[in-house]
Protein backbone atom coordinates (compact mmCIF):
# COMPACT_ATOMS: atom_id res chain seq x y z
CA MET A 1 148.81 51.20 99.06
CA LYS A 2 147.32 48.93 101.49
CA ARG A 3 147.54 51.46 104.14
CA VAL A 4 145.60 54.10 102.17
CA ARG A 5 142.99 51.50 101.28
CA ARG A 6 142.76 50.47 104.99
CA PHE A 7 142.54 54.30 105.93
CA ARG A 8 139.75 55.01 103.59
CA GLN A 9 137.79 51.81 104.76
CA HIS A 10 137.92 53.14 108.29
CA ALA A 11 136.87 56.68 107.13
CA LYS A 12 134.02 55.12 105.52
CA LEU A 13 133.13 53.05 108.63
CA ALA A 14 133.31 56.23 110.73
CA ARG A 15 130.92 58.12 108.32
CA LEU A 16 128.47 55.06 108.41
CA HIS A 17 128.45 55.32 112.36
CA ARG A 18 127.84 59.17 112.16
CA GLN A 19 124.94 58.65 109.52
CA ILE A 20 123.29 55.82 111.65
CA GLU A 21 123.51 58.30 114.91
CA VAL A 22 121.94 61.22 112.83
CA ALA A 23 119.05 58.85 111.41
CA ARG A 24 118.22 57.69 114.85
CA ASP A 25 118.06 61.13 116.49
CA PRO A 26 114.53 62.15 116.92
CA THR A 27 115.50 65.77 117.48
CA ARG A 28 116.67 66.31 114.00
CA PRO A 29 114.21 67.14 111.13
CA ARG A 30 112.68 64.17 109.41
CA ARG A 31 114.17 64.99 105.94
CA ILE A 32 117.72 65.04 107.63
CA ARG A 33 117.02 61.67 109.10
CA THR A 34 115.68 60.22 105.88
CA ARG A 35 118.68 61.48 103.91
CA ALA A 36 121.07 60.03 106.65
CA SER A 37 119.59 56.63 106.43
CA ARG A 38 119.69 56.53 102.65
CA TYR A 39 123.36 57.48 102.80
CA ALA A 40 124.04 54.92 105.68
CA ALA A 41 122.62 52.26 103.60
CA SER A 42 124.76 53.25 100.45
CA LEU A 43 127.93 53.29 102.76
CA ALA A 44 127.20 49.83 104.09
CA GLU A 45 126.59 48.44 100.62
CA ALA A 46 130.01 49.95 99.59
CA LEU A 47 131.65 48.39 102.79
CA GLY A 48 129.98 44.91 101.95
CA LEU A 49 127.78 44.79 105.14
CA LEU A 50 124.77 44.69 102.66
CA GLN A 51 124.41 42.48 99.80
CA ARG A 52 122.43 43.69 96.72
CA PRO A 53 120.55 40.76 95.24
CA GLU A 54 120.21 40.18 91.61
CA ARG A 55 116.32 40.10 91.55
CA CYS A 56 113.56 42.02 93.07
CA GLU A 57 112.69 40.75 96.28
CA TRP A 58 108.87 40.92 95.60
CA CYS A 59 108.10 39.98 91.96
CA ARG A 60 111.79 38.09 91.28
CA ARG A 61 112.32 40.28 88.07
CA ARG A 62 115.88 41.03 87.01
CA GLN A 63 115.80 44.99 86.73
CA ARG A 64 117.50 47.95 88.28
CA LEU A 65 116.92 47.73 91.94
CA GLU A 66 116.25 50.45 94.44
CA ARG A 67 116.63 50.38 98.22
CA HIS A 68 113.35 50.63 100.26
CA HIS A 69 113.31 51.59 103.91
CA TRP A 70 110.06 50.66 105.89
CA ASP A 71 111.30 52.59 108.88
CA HIS A 72 114.14 55.25 108.60
CA HIS A 73 114.99 54.70 112.18
CA GLN A 74 116.64 51.32 111.13
CA PRO A 75 118.89 52.66 108.28
CA LEU A 76 120.36 49.14 107.60
CA GLU A 77 117.08 47.31 107.24
CA VAL A 78 116.38 47.59 103.61
CA ILE A 79 114.78 45.62 100.91
CA TYR A 80 115.60 45.76 97.31
CA LEU A 81 112.96 46.38 94.78
CA CYS A 82 112.44 47.18 91.07
CA ARG A 83 111.01 50.44 90.35
CA ASP A 84 107.38 49.27 89.71
CA CYS A 85 107.38 47.59 93.23
CA HIS A 86 109.05 50.41 94.90
CA GLN A 87 106.31 52.86 93.63
CA LEU A 88 103.59 50.27 95.02
CA ALA A 89 105.35 50.17 98.30
CA ASP A 90 105.68 53.87 98.65
CA GLY A 91 102.04 54.32 97.47
CA PRO A 92 99.31 56.02 99.70
CA ASP A 93 96.97 52.87 100.09
CA PHE A 94 99.85 50.11 100.54
CA GLN A 95 99.80 48.40 104.02
CA LEU A 96 102.14 45.86 105.23
CA PRO A 97 100.74 42.37 105.75
CA HIS A 98 100.09 41.62 109.33
CA ALA A 99 102.18 38.70 110.56
CA GLY A 100 100.55 36.00 112.36
């Protein structure tokens, strides 16, 4: 059983690397890169590389959380938001606060 589990982990890790390559490839269509970055974040969470917090990172409510990518070229840089905050972040008039 240990060998099978280890094989599955290696297979997931290989899929993660492939999806990261697809997400960073500028020659591919945007929808393909977006889908690859979402799948890569999901795989990273399953492998334990990303930890899902218990609360929304903006409003701190305990609700079902969704992953949000600011930049799909960085598939493992995600924040976890509740549905309301995620809709705000995806909205047309939302702008990131400037640092500094």
